[in-house]
Amino acid sequence: MQTVLPLLAAVVGYLIGSLSFAVIISRAMGLSDPRSYGSGNPGATNVLRSGNKAAAILTLVFDALKGFLPVLAVKLWGQPHGLEEGTMALVGVAAFLGHLWPVFFRFQGGKGVATAAGVIFGLNPLLGVATLATWLIIAWFSRYSSLAAIVSAAFAPMYQLLIWEAGPTALALIIMGLLLVWRHSANIQKLLAGTESKLGAKAGTAAPAAKSTSSKTARKKS
């Protein structure tokens, strides 16, 4: 029973993480699939390239919540069942992996920045504030979301180890950090080449789904 409950909690966390809100919200708002333009990444930054700020904000919030809520649920209700920090860390990583490889979307997921942030806030709110501040500072001065994510992914486990302690939380942060950097490998190459898109840059092919379809029809008629 002590092994089954953490595994069940991890499975639930993974399934929640597999909800790709970039795709869900874009479909609900009549926008193009975010996997079809820009970086092709189903995340808030790429949704912002559609020009629809509301869709990007909703994507950001829900992607963060799907990392935060499973961890919070274990924190609030898991202790009587023997589910403590180790299970919280396991559930957080599972939700993060769900975003990267979502079972509901053919395992084609995003890079996990917002979901990782939600997990961090669930595990350690003060660490979440420190990591978010790091992201904001780097993003503000560089205007590169990818660079801010990479730096934050590297600093989060260091903050945990220097200010708090080693343990399941630190291990979860290291795992997520390594995966985040790996998922940003193409962005790293673009940053080095000076071709990386900056925050707020629109993708030329991003358009509402309905308009895209109508324009194709018009071209066929002509």
Protein backbone atom coordinates (compact mmCIF):
# COMPACT_ATOMS: atom_id res chain seq x y z
CA MET A 1 0.00 0.00 0.00
CA GLN A 2 2.89 2.37 0.80
CA THR A 3 4.20 1.89 -2.75
CA VAL A 4 0.85 1.83 -4.54
CA LEU A 5 -0.45 5.20 -3.33
CA PRO A 6 2.59 7.23 -4.47
CA LEU A 7 2.48 5.50 -7.85
CA LEU A 8 -1.25 6.17 -8.22
CA ALA A 9 -0.68 9.81 -7.29
CA ALA A 10 2.10 10.01 -9.90
CA VAL A 11 -0.17 8.54 -12.58
CA VAL A 12 -2.87 11.11 -11.77
CA GLY A 13 -0.23 13.87 -11.87
CA TYR A 14 0.97 12.66 -15.27
CA LEU A 15 -2.57 12.59 -16.68
CA ILE A 16 -3.26 16.12 -15.44
CA GLY A 17 0.05 17.25 -16.92
CA SER A 18 -0.95 15.67 -20.24
CA LEU A 19 -3.69 18.28 -20.72
CA SER A 20 -2.09 20.52 -23.36
CA PHE A 21 -3.83 23.81 -22.63
CA ALA A 22 -2.06 25.62 -25.46
CA VAL A 23 -3.90 23.37 -27.91
CA ILE A 24 -7.16 23.21 -25.91
CA ILE A 25 -7.45 26.98 -25.44
CA SER A 26 -6.41 27.74 -29.02
CA ARG A 27 -9.11 25.42 -30.33
CA ALA A 28 -11.70 26.91 -27.98
CA MET A 29 -10.84 30.44 -29.13
CA GLY A 30 -10.75 29.58 -32.84
CA LEU A 31 -6.99 30.01 -33.23
CA SER A 32 -4.56 27.93 -35.22
CA ASP A 33 -2.96 24.95 -33.54
CA PRO A 34 0.20 26.33 -31.84
CA ARG A 35 2.10 23.30 -33.12
CA SER A 36 1.61 24.62 -36.67
CA TYR A 37 3.41 27.98 -36.43
CA GLY A 38 6.30 29.78 -34.79
CA SER A 39 8.48 27.39 -32.81
CA GLY A 40 5.83 24.68 -33.07
CA ASN A 41 5.87 24.46 -29.28
CA PRO A 42 2.46 24.12 -27.55
CA GLY A 43 3.19 26.66 -24.83
CA ALA A 44 2.25 30.17 -23.76
CA THR A 45 5.17 31.91 -25.48
CA ASN A 46 4.31 30.41 -28.85
CA VAL A 47 0.58 31.10 -28.38
CA LEU A 48 1.56 34.74 -27.80
CA ARG A 49 2.98 34.74 -31.33
CA SER A 50 -0.59 34.34 -32.60
CA GLY A 51 -1.18 37.90 -31.43
CA ASN A 52 -3.87 36.82 -28.96
CA LYS A 53 -2.62 37.88 -25.51
CA ALA A 54 -5.68 36.50 -23.70
CA ALA A 55 -5.06 33.02 -25.11
CA ALA A 56 -1.39 33.23 -24.11
CA ILE A 57 -2.23 34.32 -20.55
CA LEU A 58 -4.83 31.56 -20.14
CA THR A 59 -2.34 29.01 -21.45
CA LEU A 60 0.30 30.23 -19.02
CA VAL A 61 -2.06 30.12 -16.03
CA PHE A 62 -3.52 26.68 -16.74
CA ASP A 63 -0.14 25.16 -17.61
CA ALA A 64 1.20 26.43 -14.28
CA LEU A 65 -1.87 25.21 -12.37
CA LYS A 66 -1.55 21.68 -13.73
CA GLY A 67 1.88 21.53 -12.12
CA PHE A 68 0.88 23.32 -8.93
CA LEU A 69 -2.43 21.66 -8.03
CA PRO A 70 -1.33 17.98 -7.99
CA VAL A 71 1.58 18.88 -5.69
CA LEU A 72 -0.69 21.01 -3.49
CA ALA A 73 -3.22 18.17 -3.25
CA VAL A 74 -0.55 15.82 -1.88
CA LYS A 75 0.67 18.51 0.51
CA LEU A 76 -2.83 19.16 1.86
CA TRP A 77 -4.28 15.65 1.98
CA GLY A 78 -1.43 13.19 1.60
CA GLN A 79 0.14 13.18 5.07
CA PRO A 80 -2.53 11.01 6.76
CA HIS A 81 -1.84 8.40 4.05
CA GLY A 82 1.93 8.58 4.39
CA LEU A 83 2.41 10.79 1.33
CA GLU A 84 4.98 13.46 2.12
CA GLU A 85 7.81 15.34 0.39
CA GLY A 86 8.98 12.37 -1.68
CA THR A 87 5.52 11.85 -3.15
CA MET A 88 5.07 15.58 -3.76
CA ALA A 89 8.31 15.63 -5.72
CA LEU A 90 7.33 12.48 -7.63
CA VAL A 91 3.90 13.88 -8.52
CA GLY A 92 5.44 17.19 -9.60
CA VAL A 93 7.92 15.48 -11.93
CA ALA A 94 5.10 13.28 -13.29
CA ALA A 95 2.96 16.34 -14.12
CA PHE A 96 5.99 17.93 -15.78
CA LEU A 97 6.63 14.78 -17.84
CA GLY A 98 2.95 14.78 -18.82
CA HIS A 99 3.39 18.24 -20.32
CA LEU A 100 6.51 17.17 -22.22
CA TRP A 101 4.99 13.91 -23.49
CA PRO A 102 1.17 14.18 -23.18
CA VAL A 103 -0.65 10.90 -23.65
CA PHE A 104 -3.76 12.75 -24.93
CA PHE A 105 -1.83 14.57 -27.70
CA ARG A 106 0.29 11.80 -29.25
CA PHE A 107 3.13 12.57 -26.83
CA GLN A 108 3.80 15.87 -28.65
CA GLY A 109 4.16 18.33 -25.80
CA GLY A 110 5.79 21.60 -24.90
CA LYS A 111 8.97 22.54 -23.10
CA GLY A 112 7.41 22.65 -19.65
CA VAL A 113 8.47 26.08 -18.36
CA ALA A 114 5.11 27.12 -16.90
CA THR A 115 4.36 23.64 -15.58
CA ALA A 116 7.78 23.44 -13.92
CA ALA A 117 7.11 26.84 -12.33
CA GLY A 118 3.81 25.54 -10.95
CA VAL A 119 5.54 22.47 -9.54
CA ILE A 120 8.21 24.63 -7.87
CA PHE A 121 5.61 26.88 -6.25
CA GLY A 122 3.81 23.79 -4.97
CA LEU A 123 6.99 22.26 -3.52
CA ASN A 124 8.45 25.46 -2.06
CA PRO A 125 6.61 28.78 -2.51
CA LEU A 126 9.64 30.88 -1.52
CA LEU A 127 11.78 29.03 -4.04
CA GLY A 128 9.04 29.67 -6.59
CA VAL A 129 9.27 33.42 -5.93
CA ALA A 130 13.08 33.36 -6.25
CA THR A 131 12.93 31.36 -9.50
CA LEU A 132 10.19 33.57 -10.96
CA ALA A 133 12.21 36.68 -10.08
CA THR A 134 15.19 35.17 -11.90
CA TRP A 135 13.06 34.50 -14.99
CA LEU A 136 11.61 38.03 -14.97
CA ILE A 137 15.01 39.70 -14.62
CA ILE A 138 16.58 37.72 -17.47
CA ALA A 139 13.50 38.07 -19.69
CA TRP A 140 13.26 41.81 -19.04
CA PHE A 141 16.85 42.58 -19.97
CA SER A 142 17.32 40.03 -22.77
CA ARG A 143 13.76 39.82 -24.18
CA TYR A 144 14.42 36.11 -24.72
CA SER A 145 11.94 33.78 -23.01
CA SER A 146 14.11 30.76 -23.79
CA LEU A 147 17.22 32.28 -22.18
CA ALA A 148 15.23 33.21 -19.08
CA ALA A 149 13.90 29.65 -18.85
CA ILE A 150 17.36 28.10 -19.22
CA VAL A 151 18.92 30.35 -16.57
CA SER A 152 16.00 29.78 -14.18
CA ALA A 153 16.20 26.01 -14.69
CA ALA A 154 19.87 26.12 -13.71
CA PHE A 155 19.40 28.42 -10.71
CA ALA A 156 16.34 26.73 -9.13
CA PRO A 157 18.16 23.61 -7.85
CA MET A 158 21.11 25.78 -6.72
CA TYR A 159 18.75 27.98 -4.68
CA GLN A 160 17.23 24.89 -3.10
CA LEU A 161 20.61 23.38 -2.20
CA LEU A 162 22.18 26.63 -0.95
CA ILE A 163 19.24 28.09 0.98
CA TRP A 164 17.20 25.05 1.97
CA GLU A 165 18.45 21.47 1.76
CA ALA A 166 19.11 18.45 -0.41
CA GLY A 167 16.35 15.86 -0.68
CA PRO A 168 13.47 14.85 -2.93
CA THR A 169 12.67 18.47 -3.82
CA ALA A 170 16.24 19.14 -4.94
CA LEU A 171 16.30 15.91 -6.95
CA ALA A 172 13.02 16.85 -8.68
CA LEU A 173 14.43 20.28 -9.53
CA ILE A 174 17.59 18.78 -11.01
CA ILE A 175 15.57 16.34 -13.16
CA MET A 176 13.24 19.06 -14.42
CA GLY A 177 16.14 21.47 -14.96
CA LEU A 178 18.10 19.02 -17.08
CA LEU A 179 15.02 18.19 -19.16
CA LEU A 180 14.20 21.88 -19.60
CA VAL A 181 17.68 22.65 -20.89
CA TRP A 182 17.53 19.62 -23.19
CA ARG A 183 14.13 20.69 -24.56
CA HIS A 184 15.63 24.11 -25.27
CA SER A 185 18.60 22.73 -27.24
CA ALA A 186 17.29 24.20 -30.52
CA ASN A 187 16.76 27.55 -28.78
CA ILE A 188 20.33 27.46 -27.47
CA GLN A 189 21.61 27.02 -31.02
CA LYS A 190 19.46 29.95 -32.19
CA LEU A 191 20.64 32.12 -29.30
CA LEU A 192 24.25 31.42 -30.25
CA ALA A 193 23.46 32.19 -33.91
CA GLY A 194 21.52 35.34 -33.04
CA THR A 195 18.33 34.10 -34.71
CA GLU A 196 16.19 33.39 -31.65
CA SER A 197 12.78 35.13 -31.60
CA LYS A 198 12.24 37.70 -28.87
CA LEU A 199 9.23 37.99 -26.60
CA GLY A 200 6.18 39.40 -28.36
CA ALA A 201 7.40 38.63 -31.87
CA LYS A 202 4.52 37.45 -34.03
CA ALA A 203 4.65 34.38 -36.25
CA GLY A 204 3.68 35.18 -39.81
CA THR A 205 1.70 31.96 -40.24
CA ALA A 206 -0.20 32.25 -36.97
CA ALA A 207 -3.81 33.11 -37.65
CA PRO A 208 -7.31 32.21 -36.50
CA ALA A 209 -8.21 28.76 -37.75
CA ALA A 210 -11.38 29.96 -39.46
CA LYS A 211 -9.56 32.73 -41.37
CA SER A 212 -6.80 30.34 -42.39
CA THR A 213 -9.35 27.92 -43.85
CA SER A 214 -11.23 30.66 -45.70
CA SER A 215 -8.03 32.03 -47.23
CA LYS A 216 -7.12 28.57 -48.53
CA THR A 217 -10.57 28.26 -50.08
CA ALA A 218 -10.19 31.67 -51.74
CA ARG A 219 -6.85 30.69 -53.23
CA LYS A 220 -8.34 27.50 -54.65
CA LYS A 221 -11.19 29.43 -56.31
CA SER A 222 -8.80 31.92 -57.88
